[in-house]
Protein backbone atom coordinates (compact mmCIF):
# COMPACT_ATOMS: atom_id res chain seq x y z
CA MET A 1 0.00 0.00 0.00
CA VAL A 2 3.07 2.25 0.16
CA GLY A 3 2.70 5.10 -2.30
CA ALA A 4 -0.94 4.29 -3.08
CA PHE A 5 -3.26 7.17 -3.79
CA LYS A 6 -5.68 8.38 -1.12
CA PRO A 7 -9.36 8.03 -2.02
CA ASN A 8 -10.41 11.24 -0.20
CA CYS A 9 -14.16 10.61 -0.58
CA SER A 10 -14.07 9.69 -4.27
CA ALA A 11 -16.87 7.63 -5.80
CA THR A 12 -16.84 4.25 -7.52
CA ALA A 13 -19.20 1.26 -7.79
CA ILE A 14 -19.35 -2.46 -7.17
CA GLY A 15 -19.63 -3.38 -10.84
CA SER A 16 -22.83 -4.98 -12.07
CA MET A 17 -25.30 -3.03 -14.20
CA PRO A 18 -28.73 -3.97 -15.64
CA ASN A 19 -27.84 -3.08 -19.24
CA VAL A 20 -27.34 -5.54 -22.07
CA ASP A 21 -25.32 -3.11 -24.18
CA ALA A 22 -21.76 -2.63 -22.92
CA GLY A 23 -21.30 0.78 -24.51
CA GLU A 24 -24.49 2.12 -22.98
CA ALA A 25 -23.49 0.87 -19.52
CA LEU A 26 -19.97 2.24 -19.79
CA ASP A 27 -21.22 5.67 -20.88
CA VAL A 28 -23.28 5.93 -17.69
CA VAL A 29 -20.38 4.76 -15.53
CA LEU A 30 -18.03 7.33 -17.06
CA LYS A 31 -20.64 10.08 -16.66
CA TYR A 32 -21.07 9.59 -12.92
CA LEU A 33 -17.78 7.98 -11.88
CA PRO A 34 -15.08 9.75 -13.92
CA ASP A 35 -12.45 9.65 -11.17
CA ILE A 36 -12.58 5.90 -10.49
CA PRO A 37 -14.59 4.21 -13.25
CA VAL A 38 -15.43 0.54 -12.97
CA TRP A 39 -15.96 -1.83 -15.86
CA PRO A 40 -19.63 -2.86 -15.98
CA GLN A 41 -20.58 -6.49 -15.46
CA LEU A 42 -23.70 -7.32 -17.49
CA PRO A 43 -25.36 -10.51 -16.25
CA LYS A 44 -28.54 -9.76 -18.25
CA ARG A 45 -26.51 -9.72 -21.47
CA SER A 46 -25.46 -13.35 -21.27
CA PHE A 47 -25.29 -16.37 -18.98
CA LEU A 48 -21.52 -16.07 -19.39
CA GLU A 49 -21.64 -12.83 -17.39
CA ASN A 50 -23.31 -14.44 -14.40
CA MET A 51 -20.95 -13.59 -11.55
CA TYR A 52 -20.13 -17.25 -10.89
CA VAL A 53 -19.66 -18.09 -14.56
CA GLN A 54 -17.76 -14.97 -15.59
CA TYR A 55 -14.39 -16.01 -14.18
CA SER A 56 -14.75 -19.76 -14.72
CA GLU A 57 -13.09 -19.96 -18.13
CA GLY A 58 -10.13 -22.31 -17.91
CA PHE A 59 -10.94 -23.83 -14.51
CA PRO A 60 -10.25 -27.60 -14.39
CA GLY A 61 -13.33 -29.67 -15.19
CA VAL A 62 -15.73 -26.75 -15.38
CA VAL A 63 -19.00 -27.39 -17.19
CA LEU A 64 -21.44 -24.67 -18.27
CA ASP A 65 -24.99 -25.94 -18.69
CA HIS A 66 -26.52 -23.11 -20.69
CA GLU A 67 -29.94 -24.71 -20.95
CA ASN A 68 -30.38 -24.89 -17.17
CA GLU A 69 -28.03 -21.98 -16.46
CA ARG A 70 -25.91 -24.09 -14.15
CA ILE A 71 -22.18 -24.17 -13.60
CA TYR A 72 -20.44 -27.15 -12.02
CA VAL A 73 -17.15 -29.04 -11.96
CA ASP A 74 -17.22 -32.57 -13.34
CA CYS A 75 -14.95 -34.63 -11.11
CA SER A 76 -16.08 -37.97 -12.57
CA LYS A 77 -13.08 -37.87 -14.91
CA SER A 78 -9.46 -37.24 -14.05
CA LEU A 79 -8.60 -33.55 -13.72
CA ASP A 80 -4.89 -34.18 -13.23
CA ASP A 81 -3.72 -32.71 -16.54
CA GLN A 82 -5.82 -29.56 -16.16
CA LEU A 83 -4.77 -29.11 -12.56
CA GLU A 84 -1.13 -29.54 -13.56
CA GLN A 85 -1.55 -26.79 -16.17
CA LEU A 86 -3.09 -24.47 -13.58
CA TYR A 87 -0.35 -25.11 -11.02
CA GLN A 88 2.40 -24.66 -13.61
CA ALA A 89 0.87 -21.35 -14.71
CA HIS A 90 0.73 -20.33 -11.06
CA ILE A 91 4.38 -21.22 -10.49
CA ASP A 92 5.42 -19.39 -13.67
CA ASN A 93 3.02 -16.49 -13.01
CA ASP A 94 1.79 -17.06 -16.56
CA ILE A 95 -1.31 -14.91 -16.33
CA ASP A 96 -1.80 -14.89 -20.10
CA LYS A 97 -3.20 -18.40 -19.85
CA TYR A 98 -6.11 -17.11 -17.73
CA PRO A 99 -7.50 -13.98 -19.39
CA LEU A 100 -10.96 -12.46 -19.04
CA THR A 101 -12.26 -12.74 -22.58
CA GLY A 102 -14.83 -10.61 -24.36
CA ASP A 103 -17.59 -13.23 -24.44
CA TYR A 104 -17.48 -13.34 -20.65
CA ALA A 105 -16.99 -9.61 -19.99
CA ALA A 106 -18.13 -7.24 -22.73
CA GLY A 107 -17.92 -4.26 -20.37
CA PHE A 108 -14.29 -4.97 -19.58
CA ASP A 109 -13.44 -5.16 -23.26
CA LYS A 110 -15.28 -1.91 -23.90
CA LEU A 111 -13.43 -0.06 -21.13
CA ILE A 112 -10.01 -1.32 -22.23
CA ASN A 113 -10.52 -0.69 -25.93
CA ASP A 114 -12.31 2.66 -25.71
CA GLY A 115 -10.15 4.02 -22.92
CA VAL A 116 -11.01 6.70 -20.41
CA SER A 117 -9.92 10.30 -19.98
CA SER A 118 -7.26 10.62 -17.26
CA PRO A 119 -8.97 8.84 -14.37
CA VAL A 120 -7.48 9.01 -10.88
CA ALA A 121 -7.75 5.22 -10.83
CA VAL A 122 -9.66 2.38 -12.48
CA LYS A 123 -11.54 -0.38 -10.68
CA GLY A 124 -11.81 -4.07 -11.43
CA GLN A 125 -13.40 -7.00 -9.66
CA VAL A 126 -13.48 -10.76 -9.53
CA ILE A 127 -15.67 -13.20 -7.65
CA GLY A 128 -14.10 -14.12 -4.32
CA PRO A 129 -12.81 -17.65 -3.71
CA ILE A 130 -15.12 -18.34 -0.75
CA SER A 131 -18.26 -17.41 -2.67
CA TRP A 132 -17.12 -19.18 -5.85
CA GLY A 133 -16.09 -22.28 -3.94
CA LEU A 134 -19.44 -22.45 -2.14
CA ALA A 135 -21.68 -21.60 -5.09
CA VAL A 136 -19.97 -23.86 -7.62
CA THR A 137 -20.51 -27.56 -6.97
CA ASP A 138 -19.28 -30.84 -8.38
CA GLN A 139 -21.51 -33.07 -10.48
CA ASN A 140 -23.13 -34.35 -7.27
CA ARG A 141 -23.98 -30.82 -6.10
CA ARG A 142 -21.37 -30.74 -3.34
CA SER A 143 -19.64 -27.36 -3.02
CA ILE A 144 -16.10 -27.65 -4.34
CA ILE A 145 -14.72 -25.62 -1.45
CA TYR A 146 -14.96 -28.79 0.66
CA ASP A 147 -12.52 -30.56 -1.65
CA ASP A 148 -9.00 -29.59 -0.53
CA VAL A 149 -7.47 -29.89 -3.98
CA LEU A 150 -10.21 -27.98 -5.77
CA SER A 151 -10.46 -25.24 -3.13
CA ASP A 152 -6.72 -24.61 -3.48
CA ALA A 153 -7.17 -24.56 -7.25
CA VAL A 154 -10.00 -22.00 -6.93
CA ALA A 155 -7.79 -19.53 -5.06
CA LYS A 156 -4.92 -19.93 -7.54
CA HIS A 157 -7.22 -19.71 -10.56
CA LEU A 158 -8.82 -16.48 -9.32
CA LYS A 159 -5.39 -15.07 -8.45
CA LEU A 160 -4.31 -15.49 -12.07
CA LYS A 161 -7.60 -14.04 -13.37
CA ALA A 162 -7.28 -11.02 -11.10
CA ALA A 163 -3.63 -10.41 -11.94
CA TRP A 164 -4.32 -10.55 -15.69
CA GLN A 165 -7.20 -8.12 -15.32
CA GLU A 166 -5.17 -5.70 -13.21
CA ARG A 167 -2.35 -5.70 -15.77
CA GLU A 168 -4.80 -4.69 -18.48
CA LEU A 169 -6.40 -1.98 -16.31
CA ARG A 170 -2.96 -0.48 -15.70
CA LYS A 171 -2.89 0.46 -19.36
CA LEU A 172 -5.54 3.05 -18.47
CA SER A 173 -4.15 4.27 -15.14
CA GLY A 174 -1.19 3.61 -12.89
CA ASN A 175 -3.63 3.41 -9.97
CA THR A 176 -5.88 0.38 -9.71
CA VAL A 177 -8.58 -0.60 -7.25
CA PHE A 178 -9.62 -4.24 -7.15
CA PHE A 179 -12.40 -5.94 -5.20
CA LEU A 180 -13.12 -9.56 -4.47
CA ASP A 181 -16.92 -9.85 -4.45
CA GLU A 182 -17.79 -12.14 -1.55
CA PRO A 183 -21.56 -12.33 -0.92
CA TYR A 184 -21.25 -15.72 0.76
CA LEU A 185 -19.15 -14.33 3.61
CA SER A 186 -22.39 -13.40 5.34
CA SER A 187 -23.08 -17.14 5.67
CA LEU A 188 -19.90 -17.90 7.61
CA GLY A 189 -20.64 -19.43 10.98
CA SER A 190 -24.10 -20.60 9.96
CA ALA A 191 -25.30 -24.18 10.14
CA PHE A 192 -25.03 -24.41 6.35
CA VAL A 193 -21.37 -23.39 5.97
CA SER A 194 -18.50 -25.11 7.71
CA ILE A 195 -15.19 -23.43 6.85
CA SER A 196 -12.48 -22.48 9.31
CA ASN A 197 -11.35 -18.88 9.68
CA GLU A 198 -7.86 -20.00 8.76
CA LYS A 199 -9.04 -21.40 5.45
CA VAL A 200 -11.06 -18.26 4.70
CA LYS A 201 -8.01 -16.05 5.27
CA GLU A 202 -5.71 -18.37 3.35
CA MET A 203 -7.94 -18.47 0.27
CA ILE A 204 -8.62 -14.72 0.26
CA ASP A 205 -4.96 -13.82 0.68
CA GLU A 206 -3.96 -16.26 -2.08
CA ALA A 207 -6.50 -14.80 -4.51
CA LEU A 208 -5.26 -11.28 -3.80
CA SER A 209 -1.55 -12.08 -3.79
CA GLY A 210 -0.98 -11.38 -7.48
CA LEU A 211 -2.18 -7.77 -7.25
CA SER A 212 0.06 -4.74 -6.85
CA GLY A 213 -2.57 -1.99 -6.57
CA LEU A 214 -5.19 -1.40 -3.90
CA LYS A 215 -7.09 -4.59 -3.16
CA GLY A 216 -10.28 -5.07 -1.22
CA ILE A 217 -13.27 -7.22 -0.41
CA HIS A 218 -16.91 -6.37 -0.92
CA CYS A 219 -19.52 -8.12 1.23
CA CYS A 220 -23.09 -6.86 1.00
CA GLY A 221 -24.28 -8.58 4.19
CA VAL A 222 -23.09 -8.80 7.78
CA THR A 223 -20.07 -10.93 8.58
CA ASP A 224 -17.19 -11.13 11.04
CA TRP A 225 -15.46 -7.91 10.00
CA SER A 226 -12.51 -8.63 12.30
CA LEU A 227 -11.70 -11.68 10.18
CA LEU A 228 -11.62 -9.66 6.97
CA LEU A 229 -9.70 -6.80 8.54
CA SER A 230 -6.97 -9.28 9.51
CA THR A 231 -6.38 -10.33 5.89
CA THR A 232 -4.09 -8.51 3.45
CA ILE A 233 -6.86 -6.28 2.10
CA ASP A 234 -6.40 -2.53 1.71
CA ILE A 235 -10.12 -1.81 1.31
CA LEU A 236 -13.17 -3.05 3.18
CA SER A 237 -16.37 -2.49 1.15
CA PHE A 238 -19.68 -3.00 2.92
CA ASP A 239 -23.38 -2.11 2.88
CA ALA A 240 -23.34 1.00 5.05
CA TYR A 241 -26.91 1.91 4.12
CA ASN A 242 -28.38 -1.10 5.95
CA TYR A 243 -25.60 -2.32 8.22
CA SER A 244 -23.44 0.62 9.34
CA GLN A 245 -23.79 -0.35 12.98
CA SER A 246 -22.20 -3.74 12.35
CA LEU A 247 -18.78 -2.20 11.69
CA SER A 248 -18.84 -0.25 14.94
CA LEU A 249 -18.73 -3.55 16.84
CA TYR A 250 -15.05 -3.95 15.87
CA PRO A 251 -13.41 -0.64 16.87
CA GLU A 252 -9.97 -2.02 17.77
CA ASP A 253 -9.70 -4.07 14.60
CA LEU A 254 -10.80 -1.06 12.58
CA LYS A 255 -8.28 1.24 14.30
CA ALA A 256 -5.48 -1.18 13.45
CA PHE A 257 -6.71 -1.42 9.86
CA LEU A 258 -6.85 2.37 9.42
CA SER A 259 -3.46 2.82 11.09
CA ARG A 260 -1.83 0.73 8.35
CA GLY A 261 -3.50 2.83 5.66
CA GLY A 262 -6.71 0.85 5.26
CA ILE A 263 -9.65 2.27 3.32
CA ILE A 264 -13.37 1.89 3.91
CA ALA A 265 -15.73 1.85 0.94
CA TRP A 266 -19.00 3.09 2.37
CA GLY A 267 -21.91 1.54 0.48
CA ILE A 268 -24.20 4.33 1.62
CA VAL A 269 -26.37 4.43 -1.52
CA PRO A 270 -29.25 1.93 -1.49
CA THR A 271 -29.85 -0.47 -4.37
CA THR A 272 -33.62 -0.97 -4.24
CA GLU A 273 -36.08 1.11 -6.24
CA ASP A 274 -38.19 2.14 -3.24
CA ALA A 275 -35.23 3.34 -1.19
CA LEU A 276 -33.65 5.17 -4.13
CA GLU A 277 -36.86 7.14 -4.70
CA GLN A 278 -36.75 8.41 -1.12
CA GLU A 279 -33.13 9.55 -0.93
CA THR A 280 -31.12 12.59 -1.99
CA PRO A 281 -27.39 13.25 -1.73
CA GLU A 282 -28.11 15.39 1.33
CA SER A 283 -30.18 12.71 3.09
CA LEU A 284 -27.53 10.10 2.40
CA LEU A 285 -24.82 12.40 3.69
CA THR A 286 -26.78 12.74 6.93
CA ARG A 287 -27.00 8.96 7.10
CA LEU A 288 -23.26 8.70 6.52
CA ASP A 289 -22.56 11.24 9.24
CA GLU A 290 -24.53 9.05 11.63
CA ALA A 291 -22.42 6.07 10.58
CA PHE A 292 -19.23 8.07 11.17
CA LEU A 293 -20.49 9.05 14.61
CA LEU A 294 -20.82 5.40 15.61
CA LEU A 295 -17.07 5.07 15.04
CA THR A 296 -15.84 8.40 16.39
CA GLU A 297 -17.66 7.58 19.62
CA LYS A 298 -15.40 4.51 19.79
CA GLY A 299 -12.27 6.67 19.53
CA ILE A 300 -11.66 6.54 15.78
CA ALA A 301 -10.52 9.92 14.46
CA LYS A 302 -12.91 11.63 12.03
CA GLU A 303 -10.02 12.78 9.84
CA ASP A 304 -8.91 9.17 9.42
CA LEU A 305 -12.39 8.21 8.25
CA ILE A 306 -12.51 11.05 5.74
CA GLU A 307 -9.06 10.44 4.29
CA SER A 308 -9.76 6.73 3.91
CA CYS A 309 -13.28 7.14 2.54
CA LEU A 310 -14.65 5.76 -0.73
CA ILE A 311 -18.34 6.20 -1.61
CA THR A 312 -20.20 3.41 -3.42
CA PRO A 313 -23.65 1.89 -3.84
CA SER A 314 -24.36 -0.74 -1.21
CA CYS A 315 -24.19 -3.56 -3.75
CA GLY A 316 -24.33 -4.27 -7.46
CA LEU A 317 -27.06 -2.72 -9.60
CA ALA A 318 -27.95 -5.50 -12.05
CA SER A 319 -31.17 -6.51 -10.29
CA ILE A 320 -32.94 -3.14 -10.67
CA PRO A 321 -34.22 -1.28 -13.77
CA LYS A 322 -31.79 0.86 -15.72
CA GLU A 323 -33.22 4.20 -14.59
CA ALA A 324 -32.99 3.15 -10.95
CA ALA A 325 -29.38 2.04 -11.48
CA TYR A 326 -28.57 5.40 -13.06
CA THR A 327 -30.16 7.14 -10.07
CA ALA A 328 -27.95 5.08 -7.73
CA LEU A 329 -24.81 6.18 -9.59
CA LYS A 330 -26.00 9.80 -9.63
CA LEU A 331 -26.57 9.68 -5.87
CA THR A 332 -23.15 8.07 -5.36
CA SER A 333 -21.54 10.90 -7.29
CA GLY A 334 -23.61 13.45 -5.36
CA VAL A 335 -22.60 12.19 -1.93
CA SER A 336 -18.96 12.18 -2.99
CA TYR A 337 -19.26 15.76 -4.26
CA LEU A 338 -20.80 16.98 -0.99
CA LEU A 339 -18.11 15.29 1.09
CA LYS A 340 -15.29 16.67 -1.04
CA LYS A 341 -16.79 20.15 -0.86
CA ARG A 342 -17.23 19.98 2.92
CA TYR A 343 -13.71 18.74 3.63
CA ASN A 344 -11.86 20.47 0.74
CA LYS A 345 -10.77 17.19 -0.83
């Protein structure tokens, strides 16, 4: 994180958009998020852009069932040769063998090929290894994260995918921001998920280890924030609109995180139509001030929160209509503008 840029209340987004046209989606992103644009994920465009399918290309034994829109790993046949290829690429850091191709990410292709005008940074994302390992099953519908060989392969595969993507994004800006999207982290500790904290940290750190820019995790639910803050992440992205109080339960962990230069991405903008209709930049800023207060009352300096602050929607925007998604990005930009104006950032 040494030498990394300071976010200073800038705005970005999680990634997914409801559009089917990549150019249309990117135009909106660049309009509202010019400082830190994100390439738009378009799950409505194609099954290949489903968040669990999008980064699967090249994984050993992966099968895409387009008819039933299912992804799984077929372990009924030997995967030794494919696993050997993956491990050799990992050893050689041969990221060119694991690209993110246009069929799977039209928005990424559009951003790279069209370019952007002097952004402060550019943002990328990849599905996190915990969520991918839990959501993707074998042919018998058992999550592959419970297979020691395959779970290790997941982390290494996503590391190579992330590193390739970051290299390409650096053609647009020397500053990169990268998130692992980890919705399943909110299930940790439940009766349905049995994974040790050590394995969670190990897989996350492995997936992030190929990145040289700012790297973070986005979780849109409530989880054990102390566990994530103890990983190698630089950015913690969370749903501050619905769950701001949850972070205040870990003041000492958060102080340690901020003291090493950590950044908080405040997902203060809602992602449901009803909530978006009721909010303005001013009302959301008030809500954010209340979230800040929960932390300053625990001894965390306000100036540290402001310097380390990113503003985002609370989650992806693919599940809502286009106009609502555009409103969310407009509100995100508006909150960022008000914060920068208030604190001269």
